[in-house]
Amino acid sequence: VLTFDYATFGASGNGDQPRHTVDPVQHVLDLKAAVSAVRSRSKELGVDGDRIALWGVSLSGSHVLVAASEEGGVGPPGVRAVCSLVPMLANGFSALTESIPLNPRPFSSQAKILALILKGMLLGIIGRPWYINFYGPDGS
């Protein structure tokens, strides 16, 4: 089993890049680089480099699906199995609109969520990062 940190997570990367940024395209590239590293060192590691399985949960569940489906539909060389648990497959807008009938929210809550989704989309279009604290003091 190989576990790794994405380029901006954990101790990976260099000090001049932002930390803990979520970049799905880069995450898939990191995953494919990890597969390549295992294949190139398979004899040293004592593994079969032609029988690799990818495993991911939530956002990384979608990453393993993308990585396995790229390169002509066969994925990176050596990948023979994928386990994708509860992959994140929907963008924020469809997640919001599809959940409204199942979990009705007050209009003000829906409007706030939609405004945040649009802000994230617009900032992404112009290439500006938007940092959101995942934790902090109550009320922050």
C-alpha atoms as a PDB file:
ATOM      1  CA  VAL A   1       0.000   0.000   0.000  1.00  0.00           C
ATOM      2  CA  LEU A   2       1.309   3.418  -0.950  1.00  0.00           C
ATOM      3  CA  THR A   3      -0.118   6.569   0.568  1.00  0.00           C
ATOM      4  CA  PHE A   4       1.026  10.033  -0.445  1.00  0.00           C
ATOM      5  CA  ASP A   5       0.287  13.707   0.079  1.00  0.00           C
ATOM      6  CA  TYR A   6      -0.835  15.909  -2.789  1.00  0.00           C
ATOM      7  CA  ALA A   7       1.777  18.489  -3.796  1.00  0.00           C
ATOM      8  CA  THR A   8       0.506  21.253  -1.487  1.00  0.00           C
ATOM      9  CA  PHE A   9      -0.495  19.047   1.440  1.00  0.00           C
ATOM     10  CA  GLY A  10       1.523  17.537   4.275  1.00  0.00           C
ATOM     11  CA  ALA A  11       5.284  17.955   4.033  1.00  0.00           C
ATOM     12  CA  SER A  12       5.240  17.841   0.223  1.00  0.00           C
ATOM     13  CA  GLY A  13       6.243  20.708  -2.056  1.00  0.00           C
ATOM     14  CA  ASN A  14       8.346  23.760  -1.485  1.00  0.00           C
ATOM     15  CA  GLY A  15       7.807  26.708   0.827  1.00  0.00           C
ATOM     16  CA  ASP A  16       6.946  29.312  -1.789  1.00  0.00           C
ATOM     17  CA  GLN A  17       3.658  27.793  -2.955  1.00  0.00           C
ATOM     18  CA  PRO A  18       0.292  28.111  -1.225  1.00  0.00           C
ATOM     19  CA  ARG A  19      -0.440  25.308   1.225  1.00  0.00           C
ATOM     20  CA  HIS A  20      -3.531  23.101   1.289  1.00  0.00           C
ATOM     21  CA  THR A  21      -4.921  24.250  -2.050  1.00  0.00           C
ATOM     22  CA  VAL A  22      -7.443  21.963  -3.691  1.00  0.00           C
ATOM     23  CA  ASP A  23      -6.621  21.583  -7.386  1.00  0.00           C
ATOM     24  CA  PRO A  24      -8.286  18.469  -8.848  1.00  0.00           C
ATOM     25  CA  VAL A  25      -6.250  18.590 -12.073  1.00  0.00           C
ATOM     26  CA  GLN A  26      -2.984  18.726 -10.123  1.00  0.00           C
ATOM     27  CA  HIS A  27      -4.223  16.034  -7.731  1.00  0.00           C
ATOM     28  CA  VAL A  28      -4.806  13.656 -10.662  1.00  0.00           C
ATOM     29  CA  LEU A  29      -1.309  14.450 -11.964  1.00  0.00           C
ATOM     30  CA  ASP A  30       0.105  13.733  -8.487  1.00  0.00           C
ATOM     31  CA  LEU A  31      -1.779  10.423  -8.385  1.00  0.00           C
ATOM     32  CA  LYS A  32      -0.459   9.423 -11.803  1.00  0.00           C
ATOM     33  CA  ALA A  33       3.073  10.372 -10.719  1.00  0.00           C
ATOM     34  CA  ALA A  34       2.689   8.129  -7.657  1.00  0.00           C
ATOM     35  CA  VAL A  35       1.597   5.236  -9.888  1.00  0.00           C
ATOM     36  CA  SER A  36       4.576   5.876 -12.159  1.00  0.00           C
ATOM     37  CA  ALA A  37       6.942   5.913  -9.162  1.00  0.00           C
ATOM     38  CA  VAL A  38       5.608   2.572  -7.921  1.00  0.00           C
ATOM     39  CA  ARG A  39       5.913   1.028 -11.387  1.00  0.00           C
ATOM     40  CA  SER A  40       9.485   2.283 -11.838  1.00  0.00           C
ATOM     41  CA  ARG A  41      10.524   0.871  -8.423  1.00  0.00           C
ATOM     42  CA  SER A  42       8.313  -2.235  -8.419  1.00  0.00           C
ATOM     43  CA  LYS A  43      11.157  -4.751  -8.152  1.00  0.00           C
ATOM     44  CA  GLU A  44      12.794  -2.784  -5.330  1.00  0.00           C
ATOM     45  CA  LEU A  45       9.432  -2.521  -3.529  1.00  0.00           C
ATOM     46  CA  GLY A  46       8.560  -6.167  -4.149  1.00  0.00           C
ATOM     47  CA  VAL A  47       5.272  -5.436  -5.932  1.00  0.00           C
ATOM     48  CA  ASP A  48       3.838  -6.276  -9.344  1.00  0.00           C
ATOM     49  CA  GLY A  49       3.929  -2.965 -11.220  1.00  0.00           C
ATOM     50  CA  ASP A  50       1.446  -4.298 -13.772  1.00  0.00           C
ATOM     51  CA  ARG A  51      -1.276  -4.966 -11.195  1.00  0.00           C
ATOM     52  CA  ILE A  52      -1.920  -1.693  -9.370  1.00  0.00           C
ATOM     53  CA  ALA A  53      -5.243  -0.727  -7.793  1.00  0.00           C
ATOM     54  CA  LEU A  54      -6.306   2.859  -7.102  1.00  0.00           C
ATOM     55  CA  TRP A  55      -8.427   3.688  -4.058  1.00  0.00           C
ATOM     56  CA  GLY A  56     -10.074   7.002  -3.208  1.00  0.00           C
ATOM     57  CA  VAL A  57     -12.829   8.427  -1.018  1.00  0.00           C
ATOM     58  CA  SER A  58     -14.961  11.516  -1.722  1.00  0.00           C
ATOM     59  CA  LEU A  59     -12.932  14.012  -3.792  1.00  0.00           C
ATOM     60  CA  SER A  60     -10.078  11.539  -4.230  1.00  0.00           C
ATOM     61  CA  GLY A  61     -12.748   9.015  -5.248  1.00  0.00           C
ATOM     62  CA  SER A  62     -13.374  11.175  -8.284  1.00  0.00           C
ATOM     63  CA  HIS A  63      -9.607  11.571  -8.846  1.00  0.00           C
ATOM     64  CA  VAL A  64      -9.072   7.806  -9.127  1.00  0.00           C
ATOM     65  CA  LEU A  65     -11.923   7.557 -11.636  1.00  0.00           C
ATOM     66  CA  VAL A  66     -10.446  10.343 -13.769  1.00  0.00           C
ATOM     67  CA  ALA A  67      -6.925   8.922 -13.580  1.00  0.00           C
ATOM     68  CA  ALA A  68      -8.152   5.435 -14.516  1.00  0.00           C
ATOM     69  CA  SER A  69     -10.226   6.712 -17.444  1.00  0.00           C
ATOM     70  CA  GLU A  70      -7.525   8.871 -19.035  1.00  0.00           C
ATOM     71  CA  GLU A  71      -5.021   7.865 -21.685  1.00  0.00           C
ATOM     72  CA  GLY A  72      -7.341   6.133 -24.134  1.00  0.00           C
ATOM     73  CA  GLY A  73      -9.695   4.772 -21.511  1.00  0.00           C
ATOM     74  CA  VAL A  74      -7.160   2.406 -19.976  1.00  0.00           C
ATOM     75  CA  GLY A  75      -5.657   4.756 -17.418  1.00  0.00           C
ATOM     76  CA  PRO A  76      -2.028   4.843 -16.393  1.00  0.00           C
ATOM     77  CA  PRO A  77      -0.049   1.714 -17.300  1.00  0.00           C
ATOM     78  CA  GLY A  78      -0.307  -0.952 -14.643  1.00  0.00           C
ATOM     79  CA  VAL A  79      -3.670   0.129 -13.188  1.00  0.00           C
ATOM     80  CA  ARG A  80      -5.958  -2.890 -13.167  1.00  0.00           C
ATOM     81  CA  ALA A  81      -8.561  -1.988 -10.527  1.00  0.00           C
ATOM     82  CA  VAL A  82     -10.241   1.058  -9.004  1.00  0.00           C
ATOM     83  CA  CYS A  83     -12.133   1.401  -5.739  1.00  0.00           C
ATOM     84  CA  SER A  84     -13.973   4.710  -5.640  1.00  0.00           C
ATOM     85  CA  LEU A  85     -15.968   5.236  -2.441  1.00  0.00           C
ATOM     86  CA  VAL A  86     -18.635   7.961  -2.452  1.00  0.00           C
ATOM     87  CA  PRO A  87     -16.894   9.918  -5.245  1.00  0.00           C
ATOM     88  CA  MET A  88     -17.665  13.588  -5.594  1.00  0.00           C
ATOM     89  CA  LEU A  89     -19.157  13.598  -9.077  1.00  0.00           C
ATOM     90  CA  ALA A  90     -21.311  16.722  -9.086  1.00  0.00           C
ATOM     91  CA  ASN A  91     -20.393  20.374  -9.154  1.00  0.00           C
ATOM     92  CA  GLY A  92     -21.752  22.596  -6.418  1.00  0.00           C
ATOM     93  CA  PHE A  93     -24.663  23.939  -8.463  1.00  0.00           C
ATOM     94  CA  SER A  94     -26.064  20.550  -9.437  1.00  0.00           C
ATOM     95  CA  ALA A  95     -25.516  19.286  -5.892  1.00  0.00           C
ATOM     96  CA  LEU A  96     -27.610  22.223  -4.653  1.00  0.00           C
ATOM     97  CA  THR A  97     -30.392  21.931  -7.224  1.00  0.00           C
ATOM     98  CA  GLU A  98     -30.658  18.140  -6.962  1.00  0.00           C
ATOM     99  CA  SER A  99     -30.837  18.225  -3.163  1.00  0.00           C
ATOM    100  CA  ILE A 100     -33.593  20.884  -2.904  1.00  0.00           C
ATOM    101  CA  PRO A 101     -36.500  18.443  -3.427  1.00  0.00           C
ATOM    102  CA  LEU A 102     -34.975  15.985  -0.953  1.00  0.00           C
ATOM    103  CA  ASN A 103     -33.974  18.510   1.699  1.00  0.00           C
ATOM    104  CA  PRO A 104     -35.964  21.752   1.366  1.00  0.00           C
ATOM    105  CA  ARG A 105     -34.146  24.819   2.686  1.00  0.00           C
ATOM    106  CA  PRO A 106     -35.365  28.358   3.300  1.00  0.00           C
ATOM    107  CA  PHE A 107     -34.886  30.579   0.237  1.00  0.00           C
ATOM    108  CA  SER A 108     -32.315  32.713   2.098  1.00  0.00           C
ATOM    109  CA  SER A 109     -30.117  29.638   2.687  1.00  0.00           C
ATOM    110  CA  GLN A 110     -30.389  28.600  -0.950  1.00  0.00           C
ATOM    111  CA  ALA A 111     -29.505  32.138  -2.075  1.00  0.00           C
ATOM    112  CA  LYS A 112     -26.405  32.210   0.169  1.00  0.00           C
ATOM    113  CA  ILE A 113     -25.216  28.842  -1.149  1.00  0.00           C
ATOM    114  CA  LEU A 114     -25.823  29.899  -4.758  1.00  0.00           C
ATOM    115  CA  ALA A 115     -23.942  33.190  -4.190  1.00  0.00           C
ATOM    116  CA  LEU A 116     -20.942  31.278  -2.801  1.00  0.00           C
ATOM    117  CA  ILE A 117     -21.008  28.842  -5.726  1.00  0.00           C
ATOM    118  CA  LEU A 118     -21.069  31.733  -8.210  1.00  0.00           C
ATOM    119  CA  LYS A 119     -18.246  33.510  -6.362  1.00  0.00           C
ATOM    120  CA  GLY A 120     -16.103  30.373  -6.545  1.00  0.00           C
ATOM    121  CA  MET A 121     -16.880  29.906 -10.237  1.00  0.00           C
ATOM    122  CA  LEU A 122     -16.065  33.526 -11.119  1.00  0.00           C
ATOM    123  CA  LEU A 123     -12.821  33.542  -9.153  1.00  0.00           C
ATOM    124  CA  GLY A 124     -11.871  30.284 -10.873  1.00  0.00           C
ATOM    125  CA  ILE A 125     -12.527  31.800 -14.292  1.00  0.00           C
ATOM    126  CA  ILE A 126     -10.207  34.740 -13.613  1.00  0.00           C
ATOM    127  CA  GLY A 127      -7.621  32.493 -11.961  1.00  0.00           C
ATOM    128  CA  ARG A 128      -7.752  33.940  -8.442  1.00  0.00           C
ATOM    129  CA  PRO A 129      -7.605  31.633  -5.431  1.00  0.00           C
ATOM    130  CA  TRP A 130     -10.275  31.764  -2.749  1.00  0.00           C
ATOM    131  CA  TYR A 131      -9.148  30.435   0.587  1.00  0.00           C
ATOM    132  CA  ILE A 132     -11.783  29.121   2.983  1.00  0.00           C
ATOM    133  CA  ASN A 133     -10.957  28.158   6.565  1.00  0.00           C
ATOM    134  CA  PHE A 134     -11.910  24.559   7.261  1.00  0.00           C
ATOM    135  CA  TYR A 135     -11.713  25.018  10.991  1.00  0.00           C
ATOM    136  CA  GLY A 136     -11.389  27.766  13.563  1.00  0.00           C
ATOM    137  CA  PRO A 137     -12.956  29.232  16.673  1.00  0.00           C
ATOM    138  CA  ASP A 138     -16.724  28.971  17.018  1.00  0.00           C
ATOM    139  CA  GLY A 139     -18.428  31.615  14.906  1.00  0.00           C
ATOM    140  CA  SER A 140     -15.440  32.251  12.647  1.00  0.00           C
END
